[in-house]
C-alpha atoms as a PDB file:
ATOM      1  CA  MET A   1       0.000   0.000   0.000  1.00  0.00           C
ATOM      2  CA  THR A   2       2.836   2.308   0.483  1.00  0.00           C
ATOM      3  CA  ASP A   3       3.725   1.836  -3.143  1.00  0.00           C
ATOM      4  CA  ASN A   4       0.265   2.953  -4.279  1.00  0.00           C
ATOM      5  CA  SER A   5       0.334   6.077  -2.174  1.00  0.00           C
ATOM      6  CA  ALA A   6       3.759   6.931  -3.494  1.00  0.00           C
ATOM      7  CA  VAL A   7       2.538   6.484  -7.072  1.00  0.00           C
ATOM      8  CA  ASP A   8      -0.561   8.559  -6.383  1.00  0.00           C
ATOM      9  CA  SER A   9       1.419  11.417  -4.896  1.00  0.00           C
ATOM     10  CA  GLU A  10       3.898  11.245  -7.754  1.00  0.00           C
ATOM     11  CA  TYR A  11       1.020  11.258 -10.281  1.00  0.00           C
ATOM     12  CA  HIS A  12      -0.559  14.328  -8.724  1.00  0.00           C
ATOM     13  CA  GLU A  13       2.705  16.209  -8.860  1.00  0.00           C
ATOM     14  CA  GLN A  14       3.251  15.353 -12.538  1.00  0.00           C
ATOM     15  CA  ARG A  15      -0.079  16.635 -13.852  1.00  0.00           C
ATOM     16  CA  LEU A  16      -0.520  17.719 -17.434  1.00  0.00           C
ATOM     17  CA  PHE A  17      -1.165  21.286 -16.246  1.00  0.00           C
ATOM     18  CA  PRO A  18       0.261  22.674 -13.038  1.00  0.00           C
ATOM     19  CA  LYS A  19      -2.264  23.793 -10.401  1.00  0.00           C
ATOM     20  CA  GLY A  20      -2.592  27.505 -11.313  1.00  0.00           C
ATOM     21  CA  THR A  21      -2.380  27.087 -15.085  1.00  0.00           C
ATOM     22  CA  ILE A  22      -6.138  26.566 -15.592  1.00  0.00           C
ATOM     23  CA  TRP A  23      -6.923  29.746 -13.660  1.00  0.00           C
ATOM     24  CA  VAL A  24      -4.380  31.739 -15.638  1.00  0.00           C
ATOM     25  CA  ALA A  25      -5.724  30.376 -18.930  1.00  0.00           C
ATOM     26  CA  SER A  26      -9.306  31.163 -17.867  1.00  0.00           C
ATOM     27  CA  LEU A  27      -8.355  34.703 -16.914  1.00  0.00           C
ATOM     28  CA  LEU A  28      -6.511  35.154 -20.216  1.00  0.00           C
ATOM     29  CA  VAL A  29      -9.589  34.047 -22.188  1.00  0.00           C
ATOM     30  CA  LEU A  30     -11.788  36.314 -20.072  1.00  0.00           C
ATOM     31  CA  ILE A  31      -9.471  39.280 -20.704  1.00  0.00           C
ATOM     32  CA  ILE A  32      -9.559  38.626 -24.461  1.00  0.00           C
ATOM     33  CA  VAL A  33     -13.375  38.405 -24.487  1.00  0.00           C
ATOM     34  CA  VAL A  34     -13.788  41.591 -22.419  1.00  0.00           C
ATOM     35  CA  SER A  35     -11.295  43.512 -24.557  1.00  0.00           C
ATOM     36  CA  ASN A  36     -13.187  42.474 -27.717  1.00  0.00           C
ATOM     37  CA  LEU A  37     -16.418  43.674 -26.134  1.00  0.00           C
ATOM     38  CA  VAL A  38     -14.794  47.029 -25.323  1.00  0.00           C
ATOM     39  CA  VAL A  39     -13.627  47.385 -28.937  1.00  0.00           C
ATOM     40  CA  TYR A  40     -17.125  46.506 -30.226  1.00  0.00           C
ATOM     41  CA  SER A  41     -18.867  48.943 -27.877  1.00  0.00           C
ATOM     42  CA  THR A  42     -16.413  51.680 -28.903  1.00  0.00           C
ATOM     43  CA  TYR A  43     -17.215  50.988 -32.566  1.00  0.00           C
ATOM     44  CA  ILE A  44     -20.974  51.158 -31.930  1.00  0.00           C
ATOM     45  CA  THR A  45     -20.606  54.341 -29.860  1.00  0.00           C
ATOM     46  CA  ARG A  46     -18.624  56.093 -32.586  1.00  0.00           C
ATOM     47  CA  GLY A  47     -21.302  55.211 -35.129  1.00  0.00           C
ATOM     48  CA  LYS A  48     -24.038  56.563 -32.871  1.00  0.00           C
ATOM     49  CA  ILE A  49     -22.077  59.777 -32.223  1.00  0.00           C
ATOM     50  CA  ALA A  50     -21.578  60.278 -35.970  1.00  0.00           C
ATOM     51  CA  SER A  51     -25.309  59.867 -36.656  1.00  0.00           C
ATOM     52  CA  LEU A  52     -26.107  62.208 -33.747  1.00  0.00           C
ATOM     53  CA  GLN A  53     -23.834  64.877 -35.209  1.00  0.00           C
ATOM     54  CA  GLU A  54     -25.514  64.510 -38.619  1.00  0.00           C
ATOM     55  CA  LEU A  55     -28.934  64.909 -37.005  1.00  0.00           C
ATOM     56  CA  GLU A  56     -27.779  67.973 -35.069  1.00  0.00           C
ATOM     57  CA  GLU A  57     -26.476  69.545 -38.291  1.00  0.00           C
ATOM     58  CA  ALA A  58     -29.801  68.846 -40.013  1.00  0.00           C
ATOM     59  CA  ARG A  59     -31.627  70.387 -37.035  1.00  0.00           C
ATOM     60  CA  ASP A  60     -29.460  73.506 -37.202  1.00  0.00           C
ATOM     61  CA  GLU A  61     -30.090  73.857 -40.954  1.00  0.00           C
ATOM     62  CA  MET A  62     -33.837  73.496 -40.372  1.00  0.00           C
ATOM     63  CA  ASN A  63     -33.742  76.128 -37.621  1.00  0.00           C
ATOM     64  CA  VAL A  64     -31.989  78.557 -39.975  1.00  0.00           C
ATOM     65  CA  GLN A  65     -34.534  77.833 -42.720  1.00  0.00           C
ATOM     66  CA  TRP A  66     -37.438  78.245 -40.272  1.00  0.00           C
ATOM     67  CA  SER A  67     -36.070  81.611 -39.109  1.00  0.00           C
ATOM     68  CA  GLN A  68     -35.793  82.773 -42.723  1.00  0.00           C
ATOM     69  CA  LEU A  69     -39.360  81.657 -43.425  1.00  0.00           C
ATOM     70  CA  VAL A  70     -40.669  83.511 -40.376  1.00  0.00           C
ATOM     71  CA  LEU A  71     -38.908  86.677 -41.534  1.00  0.00           C
ATOM     72  CA  GLU A  72     -40.320  86.220 -45.035  1.00  0.00           C
ATOM     73  CA  GLN A  73     -43.814  85.654 -43.651  1.00  0.00           C
ATOM     74  CA  ASN A  74     -43.599  88.805 -41.557  1.00  0.00           C
ATOM     75  CA  SER A  75     -42.379  90.885 -44.482  1.00  0.00           C
ATOM     76  CA  LEU A  76     -44.988  89.501 -46.911  1.00  0.00           C
ATOM     77  CA  GLY A  77     -47.839  90.114 -44.506  1.00  0.00           C
ATOM     78  CA  SER A  78     -46.951  93.671 -43.529  1.00  0.00           C
ATOM     79  CA  TYR A  79     -49.479  96.387 -44.379  1.00  0.00           C
ATOM     80  CA  ALA A  80     -46.884  98.524 -46.119  1.00  0.00           C
ATOM     81  CA  ARG A  81     -46.010  95.691 -48.501  1.00  0.00           C
ATOM     82  CA  VAL A  82     -49.665  94.889 -49.206  1.00  0.00           C
ATOM     83  CA  GLU A  83     -50.348  98.552 -49.979  1.00  0.00           C
ATOM     84  CA  ASP A  84     -47.228  98.738 -52.163  1.00  0.00           C
ATOM     85  CA  GLN A  85     -48.209  95.644 -54.149  1.00  0.00           C
ATOM     86  CA  ALA A  86     -51.809  96.852 -54.534  1.00  0.00           C
ATOM     87  CA  SER A  87     -50.674 100.157 -55.985  1.00  0.00           C
ATOM     88  CA  LYS A  88     -47.993  98.682 -58.266  1.00  0.00           C
ATOM     89  CA  GLN A  89     -49.676  95.521 -59.564  1.00  0.00           C
ATOM     90  CA  LEU A  90     -53.357  96.445 -59.405  1.00  0.00           C
ATOM     91  CA  GLY A  91     -53.156 100.201 -59.871  1.00  0.00           C
ATOM     92  CA  MET A  92     -55.074 100.805 -56.642  1.00  0.00           C
ATOM     93  CA  PHE A  93     -54.677 103.978 -54.611  1.00  0.00           C
ATOM     94  CA  VAL A  94     -55.923 105.447 -51.381  1.00  0.00           C
ATOM     95  CA  PRO A  95     -58.941 107.648 -52.210  1.00  0.00           C
ATOM     96  CA  THR A  96     -59.151 111.229 -51.076  1.00  0.00           C
ATOM     97  CA  SER A  97     -61.931 112.343 -48.769  1.00  0.00           C
ATOM     98  CA  LYS A  98     -63.846 113.836 -51.736  1.00  0.00           C
ATOM     99  CA  GLU A  99     -63.785 110.496 -53.558  1.00  0.00           C
ATOM    100  CA  ILE A 100     -65.240 108.529 -50.632  1.00  0.00           C
ATOM    101  CA  VAL A 101     -68.969 107.913 -50.990  1.00  0.00           C
ATOM    102  CA  MET A 102     -71.022 106.770 -48.012  1.00  0.00           C
ATOM    103  CA  LEU A 103     -73.900 104.415 -48.774  1.00  0.00           C
ATOM    104  CA  LYS A 104     -76.931 103.903 -46.641  1.00  0.00           C
ATOM    105  CA  SER A 105     -77.778 100.363 -45.695  1.00  0.00           C
ATOM    106  CA  VAL A 106     -80.626  98.912 -47.648  1.00  0.00           C
ATOM    107  CA  ASN A 107     -83.169  96.525 -46.199  1.00  0.00           C
ATOM    108  CA  PHE A 108     -83.534  93.968 -48.972  1.00  0.00           C
ATOM    109  CA  MET A 109     -86.714  92.536 -47.454  1.00  0.00           C
ATOM    110  CA  SER A 110     -88.512  95.854 -47.832  1.00  0.00           C
ATOM    111  CA  ILE A 111     -87.851  96.014 -51.588  1.00  0.00           C
ATOM    112  CA  GLY A 112     -88.836  92.385 -52.185  1.00  0.00           C
ATOM    113  CA  ILE A 113     -85.437  90.776 -52.575  1.00  0.00           C
ATOM    114  CA  ALA A 114     -84.939  87.781 -50.326  1.00  0.00           C
ATOM    115  CA  SER A 115     -81.439  87.116 -49.111  1.00  0.00           C
ATOM    116  CA  ASN A 116     -81.882  83.305 -49.106  1.00  0.00           C
ATOM    117  CA  PRO A 117     -84.226  81.921 -51.781  1.00  0.00           C
END
């Protein structure tokens, strides 16, 4: 029996892998996997940041365009511009006080004209 115990202890000391080798190999594999995940997440993050910057540029361009449209709307709707266009394109003018004629309101029912047939 002493021979078997000597063989067993000798066998355990001559293992294929020393005691700490499996832990070191496991940690090495874990480090490789985690570093690949860091590289992948960095790649994804850079893509998202690039698309965010493109969207922010588009937003800024739309804000500039919106501001220009608001200015154009305000200038097109101003009374001075409407009066200017009416006089130039339609030949209209502001009448003098002598040219203004006041009309009395007419009751259409009294003269036999119905407003809704």
